[in-house]
Amino acid sequence: MTLDSKQVSSLIKKRAFEAGFSFCGISKADFLDEEAPRLEAWLNQGLQGEMAYMANHFDKRLDPRKLVEGCQTVVSLVFNYYPSPSLTPLNHHFKVSKYAFGEDYHRVVKDKMQVLWDAMQEDLGEISGRMFVDSAPVLEKAWAKKSGLGWIGKNGNLIIPKQGSFYFIAELLIDIPAEPDGPIKDFCGTCTRCIDACPTEALTPYWVDGSKCISYFTIELKEGIPASMKSDFQDWIFGCDICQDVCPWNRFSTPHQEPRLEAKLTFLEMERGDWEDLSEEVFKELFHYSAIKRTKITGLQRNIQYINKKNES
């Protein structure tokens, strides 16, 4: 039986939920004409800092058909990573972004996508395409917005109505048509809590200066933190959740149900001294399958030294 585009869309969403995804949205693969001038202006102003890779594959970032031959549909998927309050680090812990509490999200979400992909192959026959989890020149948030999963807030994050923003985003680029969803309206209103709370002033409405973001300094920056940087990182040594923590929409956040994303007890009980005395051997053992390994122990040590120096001054 041949399925029409509406049936294909419905089936993909059903299988996505069965695979464990929180929400699924469908878009027609096309040129992102609204994002093109914004991306160009962002790059021209150097707001990517030393993230030179952001300037690569400009055309592919704006048109998935240039990334995956024959692509007709972009399937946007989101996966909850908000931790249970009982499984968060001690109050006197250095701070780590919630997305890095458990196993590396690339591994966890990719496995879920493989389950979805296999189910789609069964239901729809031989389809061709590729799956991406923050691993290719794809504007994930733009596609999620286009498919109506949420809107992009003033802090640059995808915000899902009455759900919040603590979600991983992933995409399937496939070679069959599916009925697209439409975007929803922006519900940020006059709120500026994220902008007001950012200690490095990285945010202006709907504009993120990546070169000023704490996540950039603690993860992306490979050299030393510039001497000109005077901001208080508020104990964040890997990533930063400030602009999400203060967002009113995240009062709706509910704990995820994925065991692989739960933090290990050893991690939860680490005190400041444990972080400061972390050895290469213990770092590799603790964070072998964690996103934290990306910054390497030298990066963590640099971040801790910066914070301790600020606290002493």
Protein backbone atom coordinates (compact mmCIF):
# COMPACT_ATOMS: atom_id res chain seq x y z
CA MET A 1 0.00 0.00 0.00
CA THR A 2 1.32 3.40 -0.99
CA LEU A 3 1.10 5.99 1.78
CA ASP A 4 0.38 9.65 1.12
CA SER A 5 2.52 12.41 2.69
CA LYS A 6 0.10 12.90 5.60
CA GLN A 7 0.22 9.20 6.47
CA VAL A 8 4.01 9.19 6.21
CA SER A 9 4.24 12.13 8.61
CA SER A 10 1.85 10.50 11.07
CA LEU A 11 3.73 7.22 10.96
CA ILE A 12 7.13 8.85 11.52
CA LYS A 13 5.80 10.70 14.57
CA LYS A 14 4.27 7.54 15.99
CA ARG A 15 7.54 5.68 15.62
CA ALA A 16 9.50 8.62 17.07
CA PHE A 17 7.44 8.53 20.25
CA GLU A 18 7.86 4.76 20.47
CA ALA A 19 11.63 5.22 20.19
CA GLY A 20 11.55 7.53 23.20
CA PHE A 21 11.57 11.00 21.69
CA SER A 22 9.50 13.66 23.42
CA PHE A 23 8.32 15.45 20.28
CA CYS A 24 8.73 15.19 16.52
CA GLY A 25 8.20 17.84 13.84
CA ILE A 26 8.30 17.66 10.04
CA SER A 27 9.61 20.23 7.55
CA LYS A 28 10.00 20.29 3.80
CA ALA A 29 13.70 20.29 2.89
CA ASP A 30 14.30 23.72 1.41
CA PHE A 31 16.54 26.76 1.60
CA LEU A 32 16.39 28.56 4.95
CA ASP A 33 15.96 32.04 3.51
CA GLU A 34 15.08 33.66 6.85
CA GLU A 35 18.21 32.33 8.57
CA ALA A 36 20.65 33.09 5.71
CA PRO A 37 21.16 36.82 6.40
CA ARG A 38 21.21 36.23 10.17
CA LEU A 39 23.93 33.59 9.90
CA GLU A 40 25.96 35.74 7.53
CA ALA A 41 25.72 38.77 9.84
CA TRP A 42 26.60 36.66 12.90
CA LEU A 43 29.72 35.32 11.19
CA ASN A 44 30.73 38.70 9.76
CA GLN A 45 30.68 40.19 13.25
CA GLY A 46 32.96 37.42 14.50
CA LEU A 47 30.47 36.26 17.12
CA GLN A 48 31.63 32.68 16.61
CA GLY A 49 34.94 33.53 18.34
CA GLU A 50 37.48 30.78 17.69
CA MET A 51 34.78 28.33 16.56
CA ALA A 52 36.10 28.52 12.99
CA TYR A 53 34.07 25.46 11.99
CA MET A 54 30.91 27.59 12.17
CA ALA A 55 32.00 29.38 9.00
CA ASN A 56 32.50 26.12 7.12
CA HIS A 57 29.91 24.65 4.74
CA PHE A 58 27.81 27.83 4.73
CA ASP A 59 25.60 26.63 1.84
CA LYS A 60 25.01 23.23 3.43
CA ARG A 61 23.92 24.83 6.70
CA LEU A 62 21.20 26.67 4.85
CA ASP A 63 20.07 23.95 2.44
CA PRO A 64 19.93 20.28 3.55
CA ARG A 65 19.60 19.19 -0.08
CA LYS A 66 23.23 20.19 -0.50
CA LEU A 67 24.19 18.07 2.49
CA VAL A 68 22.19 14.94 1.68
CA GLU A 69 21.51 14.17 -1.97
CA GLY A 70 17.84 13.64 -2.74
CA CYS A 71 16.69 14.99 0.63
CA GLN A 72 13.01 15.96 0.60
CA THR A 73 12.13 16.04 4.30
CA VAL A 74 13.74 17.16 7.55
CA VAL A 75 12.49 15.28 10.62
CA SER A 76 13.24 17.24 13.82
CA LEU A 77 13.39 15.28 17.06
CA VAL A 78 13.78 16.43 20.66
CA PHE A 79 14.81 14.41 23.69
CA ASN A 80 14.38 15.54 27.30
CA TYR A 81 17.51 15.76 29.47
CA TYR A 82 16.22 17.63 32.52
CA PRO A 83 17.53 15.77 35.60
CA SER A 84 15.60 14.79 38.69
CA PRO A 85 16.23 17.25 41.57
CA SER A 86 17.38 14.27 43.67
CA LEU A 87 20.09 13.49 41.10
CA THR A 88 21.83 16.85 40.94
CA PRO A 89 25.28 17.65 42.38
CA LEU A 90 25.92 18.99 45.85
CA ASN A 91 25.40 22.71 46.40
CA HIS A 92 29.13 23.28 46.94
CA HIS A 93 30.00 21.45 43.74
CA PHE A 94 31.59 23.31 40.83
CA LYS A 95 28.85 23.65 38.22
CA VAL A 96 28.44 21.48 35.13
CA SER A 97 25.72 21.92 32.50
CA LYS A 98 22.84 19.52 33.01
CA TYR A 99 23.24 18.01 29.56
CA ALA A 100 26.60 16.55 30.65
CA PHE A 101 25.50 14.84 33.88
CA GLY A 102 25.27 11.38 32.36
CA GLU A 103 26.48 9.54 29.27
CA ASP A 104 27.43 11.57 26.21
CA TYR A 105 24.16 12.62 24.54
CA HIS A 106 25.57 11.91 21.07
CA ARG A 107 25.68 8.20 21.94
CA VAL A 108 22.32 8.09 23.71
CA VAL A 109 20.30 10.03 21.14
CA LYS A 110 22.00 8.33 18.18
CA ASP A 111 20.93 4.94 19.55
CA LYS A 112 17.33 6.17 19.82
CA MET A 113 17.52 7.45 16.26
CA GLN A 114 18.74 4.09 15.03
CA VAL A 115 15.68 2.45 16.58
CA LEU A 116 13.49 5.00 14.79
CA TRP A 117 15.39 4.56 11.52
CA ASP A 118 14.97 0.76 11.60
CA ALA A 119 11.23 1.12 12.30
CA MET A 120 10.85 3.58 9.42
CA GLN A 121 12.62 1.18 7.07
CA GLU A 122 10.16 -1.53 8.07
CA ASP A 123 7.11 0.69 7.60
CA LEU A 124 8.13 2.76 4.59
CA GLY A 125 10.40 0.40 2.70
CA GLU A 126 13.83 1.35 1.44
CA ILE A 127 14.32 4.99 2.29
CA SER A 128 17.60 6.82 2.04
CA GLY A 129 18.99 9.58 4.22
CA ARG A 130 21.21 10.45 7.16
CA MET A 131 20.80 11.09 10.87
CA PHE A 132 22.52 13.87 12.78
CA VAL A 133 22.96 14.63 16.47
CA ASP A 134 24.81 17.93 16.71
CA SER A 135 27.42 16.50 14.37
CA ALA A 136 27.06 18.21 11.00
CA PRO A 137 26.46 21.62 9.41
CA VAL A 138 22.74 21.57 10.21
CA LEU A 139 20.88 24.46 11.85
CA GLU A 140 19.05 22.27 14.34
CA LYS A 141 17.11 24.98 16.14
CA ALA A 142 16.03 26.62 12.90
CA TRP A 143 14.55 23.35 11.62
CA ALA A 144 12.89 22.59 14.95
CA LYS A 145 11.33 26.07 14.88
CA LYS A 146 10.23 25.63 11.25
CA SER A 147 8.50 22.37 12.16
CA GLY A 148 6.57 24.00 14.99
CA LEU A 149 8.23 22.23 17.91
CA GLY A 150 8.81 25.57 19.59
CA TRP A 151 10.22 29.03 19.08
CA ILE A 152 13.78 30.30 19.43
CA GLY A 153 13.89 32.44 22.55
CA LYS A 154 15.82 35.58 23.36
CA ASN A 155 18.58 33.35 24.76
CA GLY A 156 18.96 31.54 21.43
CA ASN A 157 17.49 28.26 22.72
CA LEU A 158 14.53 26.34 21.35
CA ILE A 159 11.67 26.74 23.83
CA ILE A 160 8.83 24.23 23.69
CA PRO A 161 5.47 25.52 24.98
CA LYS A 162 4.77 24.37 28.55
CA GLN A 163 7.85 22.12 28.37
CA GLY A 164 10.86 24.44 28.42
CA SER A 165 14.24 24.18 26.73
CA PHE A 166 16.15 21.33 28.37
CA TYR A 167 16.01 19.18 25.24
CA PHE A 168 18.54 17.72 22.83
CA ILE A 169 17.72 18.31 19.16
CA ALA A 170 18.41 15.83 16.36
CA GLU A 171 17.45 15.51 12.69
CA LEU A 172 16.74 12.88 10.10
CA LEU A 173 17.21 14.01 6.51
CA ILE A 174 15.26 11.61 4.29
CA ASP A 175 14.48 11.22 0.59
CA ILE A 176 10.70 10.83 0.80
CA PRO A 177 8.01 13.53 1.11
CA ALA A 178 6.03 13.92 4.33
CA GLU A 179 3.39 16.47 5.25
CA PRO A 180 5.15 19.40 6.92
CA ASP A 181 4.10 21.09 10.14
CA GLY A 182 3.96 24.87 10.48
CA PRO A 183 5.77 27.18 12.90
CA ILE A 184 4.18 28.53 16.07
CA LYS A 185 4.30 32.05 17.53
CA ASP A 186 6.96 33.43 19.87
CA PHE A 187 5.89 33.49 23.52
CA CYS A 188 8.88 35.29 25.08
CA GLY A 189 6.86 38.49 25.28
CA THR A 190 8.56 41.33 27.14
CA CYS A 191 10.57 39.01 29.41
CA THR A 192 14.33 39.69 29.57
CA ARG A 193 15.32 37.45 32.48
CA CYS A 194 17.91 35.52 30.44
CA ILE A 195 19.52 38.72 29.16
CA ASP A 196 19.59 40.29 32.63
CA ALA A 197 21.07 37.17 34.24
CA CYS A 198 23.96 36.53 31.83
CA PRO A 199 27.14 37.51 33.71
CA THR A 200 29.22 37.95 30.53
CA GLU A 201 26.60 40.01 28.67
CA ALA A 202 26.58 37.49 25.84
CA LEU A 203 22.88 38.01 25.14
CA THR A 204 20.89 40.68 23.41
CA PRO A 205 17.32 39.88 22.30
CA TYR A 206 17.44 36.88 19.93
CA TRP A 207 21.19 37.32 19.43
CA VAL A 208 23.93 35.31 21.14
CA ASP A 209 27.53 36.48 21.08
CA GLY A 210 29.18 33.08 21.11
CA SER A 211 32.56 34.63 21.85
CA LYS A 212 31.27 35.91 25.21
CA CYS A 213 29.29 32.85 26.33
CA ILE A 214 30.52 30.93 29.39
CA SER A 215 29.95 27.67 27.48
CA TYR A 216 32.32 28.95 24.81
CA PHE A 217 35.04 29.84 27.33
CA THR A 218 34.73 26.58 29.29
CA ILE A 219 34.38 24.16 26.36
CA GLU A 220 35.10 25.59 22.91
CA LEU A 221 38.07 27.84 23.70
CA LYS A 222 41.28 25.83 23.45
CA GLU A 223 43.71 28.50 24.61
CA GLY A 224 43.84 30.29 27.95
CA ILE A 225 40.93 32.47 29.05
CA PRO A 226 41.92 36.02 27.99
CA ALA A 227 43.32 38.29 30.68
CA SER A 228 40.82 40.90 29.54
CA MET A 229 37.95 38.67 30.71
CA LYS A 230 36.79 40.05 34.05
CA SER A 231 33.42 38.31 34.37
CA ASP A 232 32.40 36.04 37.20
CA PHE A 233 31.66 32.57 35.78
CA GLN A 234 29.61 31.76 38.91
CA ASP A 235 31.43 28.44 39.40
CA TRP A 236 30.59 27.02 35.95
CA ILE A 237 33.49 24.81 34.82
CA PHE A 238 31.76 22.99 31.93
CA GLY A 239 29.03 24.74 29.98
CA CYS A 240 26.45 27.04 31.55
CA ASP A 241 22.70 26.82 32.22
CA ILE A 242 22.10 30.32 33.61
CA CYS A 243 19.93 31.60 30.74
CA GLN A 244 17.84 28.41 30.89
CA ASP A 245 17.59 28.22 34.67
CA VAL A 246 16.06 31.71 34.86
CA CYS A 247 13.67 31.19 31.93
CA PRO A 248 10.06 31.13 33.22
CA TRP A 249 9.15 28.45 30.70
CA ASN A 250 11.50 25.99 32.39
CA ARG A 251 9.25 25.89 35.46
CA PHE A 252 7.39 23.31 33.36
CA SER A 253 10.47 21.07 33.04
CA THR A 254 9.94 17.48 34.14
CA PRO A 255 12.68 14.90 34.84
CA HIS A 256 13.73 12.66 31.98
CA GLN A 257 13.29 8.89 32.20
CA GLU A 258 16.53 7.84 30.51
CA PRO A 259 18.88 5.90 32.85
CA ARG A 260 21.89 6.54 30.60
CA LEU A 261 21.57 10.29 31.20
CA GLU A 262 21.59 9.96 34.99
CA ALA A 263 24.69 11.12 36.83
CA LYS A 264 26.88 8.59 38.61
CA LEU A 265 26.99 8.77 42.39
CA THR A 266 30.73 9.46 42.26
CA PHE A 267 30.07 12.54 40.13
CA LEU A 268 27.20 13.73 42.31
CA GLU A 269 29.27 13.55 45.49
CA MET A 270 32.36 15.33 44.16
CA GLU A 271 33.27 18.39 46.19
CA ARG A 272 35.37 21.32 45.07
CA GLY A 273 38.54 19.76 46.40
CA ASP A 274 37.86 16.57 44.42
CA TRP A 275 37.63 18.62 41.21
CA GLU A 276 40.76 20.57 42.04
CA ASP A 277 42.74 17.38 42.74
CA LEU A 278 41.37 15.43 39.76
CA SER A 279 44.07 13.26 38.18
CA GLU A 280 44.30 12.28 34.52
CA GLU A 281 43.57 8.67 35.48
CA VAL A 282 40.44 9.48 37.49
CA PHE A 283 39.27 11.95 34.82
CA LYS A 284 39.45 9.24 32.13
CA GLU A 285 37.66 6.72 34.35
CA LEU A 286 34.88 9.10 35.40
CA PHE A 287 34.25 10.75 32.05
CA HIS A 288 35.13 8.06 29.51
CA TYR A 289 31.60 8.08 28.08
CA SER A 290 30.77 11.65 29.05
CA ALA A 291 30.54 14.86 27.05
CA ILE A 292 32.88 16.36 29.67
CA LYS A 293 35.83 14.53 28.12
CA ARG A 294 35.64 17.03 25.25
CA THR A 295 37.29 19.75 27.28
CA LYS A 296 40.02 17.36 28.50
CA ILE A 297 41.46 17.55 31.98
CA THR A 298 43.64 20.49 30.98
CA GLY A 299 40.54 22.48 30.01
CA LEU A 300 38.82 21.71 33.32
CA GLN A 301 41.93 22.68 35.25
CA ARG A 302 42.14 25.97 33.36
CA ASN A 303 38.48 26.73 34.12
CA ILE A 304 38.86 25.88 37.82
CA GLN A 305 41.98 28.04 38.10
CA TYR A 306 40.16 30.98 36.51
CA ILE A 307 37.21 30.65 38.91
CA ASN A 308 39.41 30.26 41.98
CA LYS A 309 41.45 33.29 40.98
CA LYS A 310 38.27 35.35 40.55
CA ASN A 311 37.02 34.21 43.94
CA GLU A 312 40.29 35.22 45.59
CA SER A 313 40.29 38.71 44.08
